[in-house]
Amino acid sequence: MREPGFTPRNDRRPVDLAALVHRDAGPPLSVLVTDLTDEGCRLSGEETLRIGEEIRVEIPHVGYLNAQVRWALDGEAGARFCGDRPV
């Protein structure tokens, strides 16, 4: 279990990348990747993703990145990459 308090993170790189989020059901969602690290990314879009949801982020010229939604609020979400990258 994670201890309360500060959790160090890798430096976030601001980006402006159009991407798609693929979910288990339904059509892909158009999103904007607004920051990116080796460990995850921040997404912005019309729909709010569910915390804990497993997704695949498709970034042109990069590929598919498996991720889990760690936080989500008002069309914004933070996702942590999991598994091999890119797919």
C-alpha atoms as a PDB file:
ATOM      1  CA  MET A   1       0.000   0.000   0.000  1.00  0.00           C
ATOM      2  CA  ARG A   2       1.256   3.492  -0.844  1.00  0.00           C
ATOM      3  CA  GLU A   3       2.262   5.692   2.058  1.00  0.00           C
ATOM      4  CA  PRO A   4       0.509   9.079   2.286  1.00  0.00           C
ATOM      5  CA  GLY A   5       2.543  12.092   1.264  1.00  0.00           C
ATOM      6  CA  PHE A   6       4.681  13.224  -1.639  1.00  0.00           C
ATOM      7  CA  THR A   7       5.211  10.781  -4.483  1.00  0.00           C
ATOM      8  CA  PRO A   8       8.136  11.692  -6.759  1.00  0.00           C
ATOM      9  CA  ARG A   9       7.311  11.656 -10.474  1.00  0.00           C
ATOM     10  CA  ASN A  10       9.294  11.865 -13.659  1.00  0.00           C
ATOM     11  CA  ASP A  11       9.369  15.246 -15.373  1.00  0.00           C
ATOM     12  CA  ARG A  12       6.287  15.822 -17.471  1.00  0.00           C
ATOM     13  CA  ARG A  13       6.762  16.995 -21.027  1.00  0.00           C
ATOM     14  CA  PRO A  14       4.014  19.306 -22.288  1.00  0.00           C
ATOM     15  CA  VAL A  15       2.690  18.097 -25.638  1.00  0.00           C
ATOM     16  CA  ASP A  16      -0.295  18.711 -27.889  1.00  0.00           C
ATOM     17  CA  LEU A  17      -1.008  15.365 -29.568  1.00  0.00           C
ATOM     18  CA  ALA A  18      -4.289  14.231 -31.091  1.00  0.00           C
ATOM     19  CA  ALA A  19      -4.949  10.628 -30.064  1.00  0.00           C
ATOM     20  CA  LEU A  20      -7.654   8.000 -29.717  1.00  0.00           C
ATOM     21  CA  VAL A  21      -8.634   6.111 -26.578  1.00  0.00           C
ATOM     22  CA  HIS A  22      -9.880   2.571 -27.148  1.00  0.00           C
ATOM     23  CA  ARG A  23     -12.117   1.083 -24.447  1.00  0.00           C
ATOM     24  CA  ASP A  24     -13.522  -2.417 -24.032  1.00  0.00           C
ATOM     25  CA  ALA A  25     -16.860  -1.287 -25.458  1.00  0.00           C
ATOM     26  CA  GLY A  26     -17.935   1.422 -27.848  1.00  0.00           C
ATOM     27  CA  PRO A  27     -16.197   3.457 -30.503  1.00  0.00           C
ATOM     28  CA  PRO A  28     -12.792   5.075 -29.888  1.00  0.00           C
ATOM     29  CA  LEU A  29     -12.789   8.467 -28.168  1.00  0.00           C
ATOM     30  CA  SER A  30     -10.929  11.426 -29.646  1.00  0.00           C
ATOM     31  CA  VAL A  31      -8.640  12.955 -27.021  1.00  0.00           C
ATOM     32  CA  LEU A  32      -5.733  15.328 -26.728  1.00  0.00           C
ATOM     33  CA  VAL A  33      -2.574  14.194 -24.932  1.00  0.00           C
ATOM     34  CA  THR A  34      -1.448  17.293 -23.024  1.00  0.00           C
ATOM     35  CA  ASP A  35       1.543  15.931 -21.136  1.00  0.00           C
ATOM     36  CA  LEU A  36       3.642  12.829 -21.404  1.00  0.00           C
ATOM     37  CA  THR A  37       6.226  10.921 -19.363  1.00  0.00           C
ATOM     38  CA  ASP A  38       7.767   7.470 -19.684  1.00  0.00           C
ATOM     39  CA  GLU A  39       5.228   6.318 -17.096  1.00  0.00           C
ATOM     40  CA  GLY A  40       1.986   7.892 -18.300  1.00  0.00           C
ATOM     41  CA  CYS A  41       0.097  10.799 -19.789  1.00  0.00           C
ATOM     42  CA  ARG A  42      -2.622  13.369 -19.233  1.00  0.00           C
ATOM     43  CA  LEU A  43      -5.655  13.179 -21.506  1.00  0.00           C
ATOM     44  CA  SER A  44      -8.301  15.770 -22.318  1.00  0.00           C
ATOM     45  CA  GLY A  45     -11.550  14.986 -24.107  1.00  0.00           C
ATOM     46  CA  GLU A  46     -15.321  15.277 -24.252  1.00  0.00           C
ATOM     47  CA  GLU A  47     -16.017  12.267 -22.009  1.00  0.00           C
ATOM     48  CA  THR A  48     -14.804  11.519 -18.506  1.00  0.00           C
ATOM     49  CA  LEU A  49     -13.026   8.177 -18.229  1.00  0.00           C
ATOM     50  CA  ARG A  50     -13.551   5.894 -15.230  1.00  0.00           C
ATOM     51  CA  ILE A  51     -10.854   5.566 -12.555  1.00  0.00           C
ATOM     52  CA  GLY A  52      -9.321   2.091 -12.812  1.00  0.00           C
ATOM     53  CA  GLU A  53     -10.464   1.643 -16.412  1.00  0.00           C
ATOM     54  CA  GLU A  54      -8.038  -0.233 -18.695  1.00  0.00           C
ATOM     55  CA  ILE A  55      -7.573   1.640 -21.984  1.00  0.00           C
ATOM     56  CA  ARG A  56      -5.366   1.689 -25.072  1.00  0.00           C
ATOM     57  CA  VAL A  57      -4.089   5.086 -26.156  1.00  0.00           C
ATOM     58  CA  GLU A  58      -3.402   5.290 -29.897  1.00  0.00           C
ATOM     59  CA  ILE A  59      -0.941   8.050 -30.775  1.00  0.00           C
ATOM     60  CA  PRO A  60      -0.117   8.530 -34.481  1.00  0.00           C
ATOM     61  CA  HIS A  61       3.492   7.630 -35.375  1.00  0.00           C
ATOM     62  CA  VAL A  62       3.927   6.072 -31.907  1.00  0.00           C
ATOM     63  CA  GLY A  63       1.428   3.206 -31.729  1.00  0.00           C
ATOM     64  CA  TYR A  64      -0.866   1.782 -29.082  1.00  0.00           C
ATOM     65  CA  LEU A  65      -0.033   2.222 -25.403  1.00  0.00           C
ATOM     66  CA  ASN A  66      -1.813   0.111 -22.793  1.00  0.00           C
ATOM     67  CA  ALA A  67      -2.729   2.176 -19.758  1.00  0.00           C
ATOM     68  CA  GLN A  68      -4.889   2.376 -16.650  1.00  0.00           C
ATOM     69  CA  VAL A  69      -6.815   5.499 -15.710  1.00  0.00           C
ATOM     70  CA  ARG A  70      -5.487   6.689 -12.331  1.00  0.00           C
ATOM     71  CA  TRP A  71      -7.583   9.850 -11.931  1.00  0.00           C
ATOM     72  CA  ALA A  72     -10.400  11.492 -13.887  1.00  0.00           C
ATOM     73  CA  LEU A  73     -12.335  14.735 -13.526  1.00  0.00           C
ATOM     74  CA  ASP A  74     -14.443  16.819 -15.935  1.00  0.00           C
ATOM     75  CA  GLY A  75     -13.063  15.470 -19.221  1.00  0.00           C
ATOM     76  CA  GLU A  76      -9.461  15.290 -17.965  1.00  0.00           C
ATOM     77  CA  ALA A  77      -7.683  12.093 -16.947  1.00  0.00           C
ATOM     78  CA  GLY A  78      -4.299  10.800 -15.926  1.00  0.00           C
ATOM     79  CA  ALA A  79      -3.277   7.394 -17.232  1.00  0.00           C
ATOM     80  CA  ARG A  80      -0.356   5.193 -16.204  1.00  0.00           C
ATOM     81  CA  PHE A  81       1.189   3.027 -18.899  1.00  0.00           C
ATOM     82  CA  CYS A  82       1.334  -0.699 -18.247  1.00  0.00           C
ATOM     83  CA  GLY A  83       2.815  -3.622 -20.110  1.00  0.00           C
ATOM     84  CA  ASP A  84       5.060  -3.372 -23.128  1.00  0.00           C
ATOM     85  CA  ARG A  85       5.132  -0.111 -25.105  1.00  0.00           C
ATOM     86  CA  PRO A  86       4.295   0.575 -27.862  1.00  0.00           C
ATOM     87  CA  VAL A  87       1.962  -2.218 -28.970  1.00  0.00           C
END
